[in-house]
Amino acid sequence: MKNLLIISLLLLGLYFVYTQLNTPKEERMKVEVERIEEGVSHGDHWDAMYGFADDTHDKIEQSFQDLILVKELESNLSLYRADYGVVSHVALVKDEGLVTLFPSLPTDRAVPFGINKIVEWEVTDGLEAHIEGSGRETFGLGFFATDYVENYELYKKGELSEVALSAFAYVLDRSSLGEEGNSSDESELLFASNFCGYFPSSELNTGFDYDFVGIVLSLSYFDYQDEKFALLDVQLIQDEELNFVLPMAVNLKNMREKDIKVGDSITGAFWLQGKIVR
């Protein structure tokens, strides 16, 4: 039964990824803007950063003194950033009051992206949003826009853009898909050892959180605010034309299997973020 559930989720995910193939291009380029009032925040993101610890709030407050003014924006808005090597904290201040603060994993790895929908967050008066659309005009996905307050006009144009995508993992484990004996008598479906895929989160209905199975292409480690992290390049779509490799950071506290190596098949859940690459 457990295998059947996993397979059902994978098939649902594959349908989600490739559904854009049958959507006319002119329809995909129409941008809808929606404002939602509930169901979004950075609470889970910060918990993942600090390993779902009891002192998460205290650790976030420690970074306030490291914030440096980056840019003055319109409407009395100011953008601040604290850089910690691989990881950054981004803060938005309005009229000297904190609007939002979130972790960022900067990357130069980008994919062509077409925008279908913009979902603005009412909780921050529309200054934050997540974006829904398709990568390489094919595979569907949604991501939190780390640069929305700076580039909202570009997003609303909806033109195909280069978008740099990265992720923070809530949890990570070794995958058993493709291993000998891992099949379902009820479905008789078998998966290759190099199977890759991602699909909407089974736990969080947000539009930018995903479950996944992927292959580790690179692996390194870094320290950040007394926390130890792994930084991985993870293959999520294995295809010559639709190749999708995602940089991903995970707190070692959230790794159920610590002995992960390059070439391993892994599974877990992640928060996807991105920004327009000029």
Protein backbone atom coordinates (compact mmCIF):
# COMPACT_ATOMS: atom_id res chain seq x y z
CA MET A 1 0.00 0.00 0.00
CA LYS A 2 2.87 2.37 0.81
CA ASN A 3 4.46 1.74 -2.60
CA LEU A 4 1.12 2.30 -4.30
CA LEU A 5 0.76 5.67 -2.58
CA ILE A 6 4.28 6.70 -3.63
CA ILE A 7 3.64 5.64 -7.21
CA SER A 8 0.32 7.51 -7.29
CA LEU A 9 2.06 10.68 -6.11
CA LEU A 10 4.81 10.24 -8.70
CA LEU A 11 2.33 9.80 -11.53
CA LEU A 12 0.43 12.86 -10.34
CA GLY A 13 3.70 14.76 -10.28
CA LEU A 14 4.62 13.71 -13.80
CA TYR A 15 1.21 14.89 -15.01
CA PHE A 16 1.79 18.22 -13.23
CA VAL A 17 5.27 18.65 -14.74
CA TYR A 18 4.28 17.95 -18.33
CA THR A 19 0.78 19.41 -18.42
CA GLN A 20 2.15 22.56 -20.06
CA LEU A 21 2.95 20.59 -23.21
CA ASN A 22 -0.72 20.63 -24.20
CA THR A 23 -1.35 24.28 -23.32
CA PRO A 24 -1.24 26.70 -26.29
CA LYS A 25 1.63 29.18 -25.99
CA GLU A 26 -0.64 32.20 -26.31
CA GLU A 27 -2.63 31.01 -23.28
CA ARG A 28 0.50 30.37 -21.22
CA MET A 29 1.67 33.93 -21.77
CA LYS A 30 -1.45 35.54 -20.26
CA VAL A 31 -0.63 36.66 -16.72
CA GLU A 32 -3.28 36.50 -14.02
CA VAL A 33 -2.68 38.47 -10.80
CA GLU A 34 -4.33 37.18 -7.64
CA ARG A 35 -4.19 38.49 -4.05
CA ILE A 36 -4.51 35.88 -1.29
CA GLU A 37 -5.13 36.65 2.37
CA GLU A 38 -4.19 33.43 4.18
CA GLY A 39 -2.00 30.36 3.98
CA VAL A 40 1.40 31.92 3.30
CA SER A 41 4.25 32.99 5.56
CA HIS A 42 7.97 32.41 6.10
CA GLY A 43 7.46 30.51 9.35
CA ASP A 44 8.13 27.06 7.90
CA HIS A 45 11.08 28.43 5.93
CA TRP A 46 12.86 29.70 9.04
CA ASP A 47 12.08 26.51 10.94
CA ALA A 48 13.73 24.53 8.15
CA MET A 49 16.77 26.81 8.22
CA TYR A 50 17.38 26.16 11.91
CA GLY A 51 16.34 22.52 12.04
CA PHE A 52 12.87 23.14 13.54
CA ALA A 53 14.51 24.16 16.81
CA ASP A 54 12.93 25.87 19.83
CA ASP A 55 15.22 28.92 19.56
CA THR A 56 14.42 29.79 15.93
CA HIS A 57 12.99 33.21 16.82
CA ASP A 58 16.08 34.15 18.82
CA LYS A 59 18.39 33.16 15.97
CA ILE A 60 16.42 35.23 13.48
CA GLU A 61 16.66 38.27 15.74
CA GLN A 62 20.45 37.87 15.90
CA SER A 63 20.66 38.63 12.18
CA PHE A 64 18.99 42.05 12.51
CA GLN A 65 22.29 43.66 13.46
CA ASP A 66 23.92 42.26 10.30
CA LEU A 67 21.43 43.80 7.87
CA ILE A 68 22.90 46.39 5.50
CA LEU A 69 20.91 48.80 3.35
CA VAL A 70 20.98 47.68 -0.28
CA LYS A 71 18.49 49.94 -2.02
CA GLU A 72 15.92 52.66 -1.36
CA LEU A 73 12.70 51.90 -3.21
CA GLU A 74 9.52 53.84 -3.86
CA SER A 75 6.78 54.41 -1.27
CA ASN A 76 9.21 54.67 1.69
CA LEU A 77 10.43 51.12 1.14
CA SER A 78 13.99 50.04 1.87
CA LEU A 79 15.69 46.76 0.97
CA TYR A 80 18.25 45.28 3.39
CA ARG A 81 20.47 42.21 3.19
CA ALA A 82 22.75 40.26 5.51
CA ASP A 83 25.23 38.03 3.69
CA TYR A 84 26.56 34.87 5.32
CA GLY A 85 28.57 33.44 2.45
CA VAL A 86 26.35 30.89 0.74
CA VAL A 87 23.16 32.07 2.46
CA SER A 88 21.67 35.58 2.73
CA HIS A 89 18.86 37.14 4.74
CA VAL A 90 16.68 39.64 2.88
CA ALA A 91 14.57 42.22 4.72
CA LEU A 92 12.02 44.75 3.50
CA VAL A 93 11.37 47.82 5.65
CA LYS A 94 8.56 50.37 5.18
CA ASP A 95 8.38 53.59 7.18
CA GLU A 96 11.06 52.15 9.51
CA GLY A 97 8.92 49.08 10.25
CA LEU A 98 9.90 45.53 9.27
CA VAL A 99 7.61 44.17 6.54
CA THR A 100 9.28 40.83 5.95
CA LEU A 101 12.49 38.88 6.47
CA PHE A 102 13.36 35.67 4.64
CA PRO A 103 16.36 33.44 3.84
CA SER A 104 17.81 33.41 0.35
CA LEU A 105 20.09 31.00 -1.51
CA PRO A 106 21.60 33.05 -4.38
CA THR A 107 22.58 31.19 -7.55
CA ASP A 108 23.53 31.90 -11.14
CA ARG A 109 21.93 28.71 -12.46
CA ALA A 110 18.95 29.83 -14.56
CA VAL A 111 16.25 28.43 -16.83
CA PRO A 112 13.95 30.15 -19.36
CA PHE A 113 10.63 30.73 -17.62
CA GLY A 114 7.18 31.75 -18.85
CA ILE A 115 4.81 33.35 -16.32
CA ASN A 116 1.15 32.36 -16.13
CA LYS A 117 0.08 33.67 -12.74
CA ILE A 118 1.26 35.99 -9.98
CA VAL A 119 -0.05 35.35 -6.46
CA GLU A 120 0.52 38.38 -4.22
CA TRP A 121 0.51 38.01 -0.46
CA GLU A 122 -2.00 40.19 1.37
CA VAL A 123 -0.12 39.60 4.63
CA THR A 124 2.63 41.89 3.29
CA ASP A 125 0.29 44.18 1.34
CA GLY A 126 1.22 42.62 -2.00
CA LEU A 127 4.93 43.34 -1.60
CA GLU A 128 5.70 39.61 -1.72
CA ALA A 129 4.43 37.05 -4.21
CA HIS A 130 4.94 33.64 -5.65
CA ILE A 131 4.99 33.01 -9.37
CA GLU A 132 3.40 30.17 -11.33
CA GLY A 133 4.37 29.20 -14.86
CA SER A 134 6.56 26.87 -16.90
CA GLY A 135 10.27 26.27 -17.31
CA ARG A 136 11.61 25.93 -20.85
CA GLU A 137 7.97 26.37 -21.99
CA THR A 138 7.34 22.82 -20.79
CA PHE A 139 7.55 21.78 -17.13
CA GLY A 140 5.21 23.51 -14.69
CA LEU A 141 6.35 24.96 -11.39
CA GLY A 142 5.83 27.79 -8.93
CA PHE A 143 8.40 29.70 -6.89
CA PHE A 144 8.60 32.43 -4.27
CA ALA A 145 10.02 35.54 -5.95
CA THR A 146 12.86 36.88 -3.81
CA ASP A 147 13.01 40.01 -6.01
CA TYR A 148 9.29 40.75 -6.41
CA VAL A 149 9.37 44.14 -4.71
CA GLU A 150 12.13 45.21 -7.12
CA ASN A 151 10.85 43.62 -10.33
CA TYR A 152 7.06 43.38 -10.03
CA GLU A 153 6.60 45.32 -13.28
CA LEU A 154 8.76 42.81 -15.17
CA TYR A 155 6.85 39.89 -13.67
CA LYS A 156 3.50 41.40 -14.66
CA LYS A 157 4.62 41.73 -18.28
CA GLY A 158 4.70 37.96 -18.35
CA GLU A 159 7.33 37.65 -21.04
CA LEU A 160 9.66 34.66 -21.13
CA SER A 161 12.58 35.44 -18.85
CA GLU A 162 15.65 33.77 -17.44
CA VAL A 163 14.90 32.87 -13.83
CA ALA A 164 17.52 31.68 -11.30
CA LEU A 165 16.00 28.97 -9.11
CA SER A 166 17.23 27.47 -5.83
CA ALA A 167 15.72 25.65 -2.87
CA PHE A 168 15.92 25.00 0.86
CA ALA A 169 15.01 21.44 1.84
CA TYR A 170 12.67 20.78 4.77
CA VAL A 171 13.76 17.16 4.86
CA LEU A 172 16.11 14.93 2.88
CA ASP A 173 16.61 11.17 2.83
CA ARG A 174 18.04 8.44 0.62
CA SER A 175 15.55 7.17 -1.97
CA SER A 176 14.81 3.47 -2.36
CA LEU A 177 13.13 3.81 -5.77
CA GLY A 178 14.80 1.62 -8.34
CA GLU A 179 16.36 -0.68 -5.75
CA GLU A 180 15.86 -4.41 -6.19
CA GLY A 181 12.63 -5.60 -4.64
CA ASN A 182 11.08 -2.12 -4.54
CA SER A 183 8.00 -2.71 -6.63
CA SER A 184 4.28 -2.85 -6.03
CA ASP A 185 2.36 -6.05 -6.70
CA GLU A 186 -0.76 -3.91 -6.97
CA SER A 187 0.59 -1.79 -9.83
CA GLU A 188 3.55 -3.80 -11.19
CA LEU A 189 5.31 -0.52 -11.98
CA LEU A 190 9.10 -0.46 -11.78
CA PHE A 191 11.31 2.62 -11.58
CA ALA A 192 14.84 2.99 -12.90
CA SER A 193 17.58 3.67 -10.36
CA ASN A 194 18.15 7.09 -11.97
CA PHE A 195 14.47 8.12 -11.87
CA CYS A 196 13.94 11.87 -11.22
CA GLY A 197 10.80 13.85 -10.59
CA TYR A 198 9.14 16.56 -8.49
CA PHE A 199 5.51 17.12 -7.61
CA PRO A 200 3.35 19.42 -5.43
CA SER A 201 3.89 18.95 -1.71
CA SER A 202 1.67 16.36 -0.05
CA GLU A 203 1.84 18.38 3.20
CA LEU A 204 1.85 22.06 2.20
CA ASN A 205 -0.68 23.47 -0.25
CA THR A 206 1.25 26.59 -1.22
CA GLY A 207 2.18 26.47 -4.89
CA PHE A 208 5.92 26.69 -4.18
CA ASP A 209 6.63 23.65 -1.96
CA TYR A 210 7.47 20.28 -3.52
CA ASP A 211 8.18 16.65 -2.83
CA PHE A 212 10.89 15.16 -5.03
CA VAL A 213 13.11 12.29 -6.07
CA GLY A 214 16.45 13.36 -7.54
CA ILE A 215 20.07 12.48 -8.23
CA VAL A 216 22.94 14.20 -6.38
CA LEU A 217 25.32 15.75 -8.95
CA SER A 218 27.52 17.69 -6.53
CA LEU A 219 27.84 17.96 -2.76
CA SER A 220 29.66 20.31 -0.40
CA TYR A 221 29.21 21.61 3.13
CA PHE A 222 29.15 25.02 4.80
CA ASP A 223 28.57 26.59 8.21
CA TYR A 224 26.04 29.33 8.82
CA GLN A 225 25.10 30.91 12.16
CA ASP A 226 26.38 27.91 14.13
CA GLU A 227 24.40 25.58 11.87
CA LYS A 228 25.88 23.00 9.49
CA PHE A 229 24.43 22.73 6.01
CA ALA A 230 24.87 20.58 2.91
CA LEU A 231 24.77 22.27 -0.49
CA LEU A 232 23.74 20.02 -3.37
CA ASP A 233 23.07 20.20 -7.09
CA VAL A 234 20.07 17.90 -7.60
CA GLN A 235 18.90 16.52 -10.95
CA LEU A 236 15.10 16.80 -11.04
CA ILE A 237 14.44 16.22 -14.75
CA GLN A 238 16.81 14.01 -16.70
CA ASP A 239 16.37 14.81 -20.36
CA GLU A 240 18.70 16.24 -23.00
CA GLU A 241 16.30 19.08 -23.84
CA LEU A 242 14.43 19.55 -20.54
CA ASN A 243 17.39 19.16 -18.20
CA PHE A 244 16.54 20.66 -14.78
CA VAL A 245 19.22 20.80 -12.08
CA LEU A 246 18.38 22.62 -8.85
CA PRO A 247 20.84 24.02 -6.25
CA MET A 248 19.54 22.97 -2.84
CA ALA A 249 20.65 23.66 0.74
CA VAL A 250 19.63 21.56 3.74
CA ASN A 251 20.38 21.79 7.45
CA LEU A 252 22.15 18.61 8.52
CA LYS A 253 19.58 18.30 11.32
CA ASN A 254 16.97 17.74 8.61
CA MET A 255 18.93 15.00 6.82
CA ARG A 256 17.59 11.61 7.86
CA GLU A 257 20.49 9.98 6.02
CA LYS A 258 23.79 11.73 6.70
CA ASP A 259 25.99 9.57 4.46
CA ILE A 260 24.78 11.01 1.14
CA LYS A 261 27.25 10.92 -1.76
CA VAL A 262 27.43 12.18 -5.35
CA GLY A 263 25.43 9.84 -7.55
CA ASP A 264 22.95 8.87 -4.82
CA SER A 265 19.21 8.96 -5.37
CA ILE A 266 17.57 11.15 -2.71
CA THR A 267 14.06 12.13 -1.77
CA GLY A 268 12.46 14.79 0.42
CA ALA A 269 10.66 18.11 0.31
CA PHE A 270 11.81 21.63 -0.53
CA TRP A 271 10.79 25.29 -0.73
CA LEU A 272 11.46 26.72 -4.21
CA GLN A 273 12.56 30.34 -4.65
CA GLY A 274 13.77 32.34 -7.61
CA LYS A 275 14.53 35.70 -9.16
CA ILE A 276 14.73 37.23 -12.61
CA VAL A 277 18.19 37.17 -14.17
CA ARG A 278 18.89 40.29 -16.19
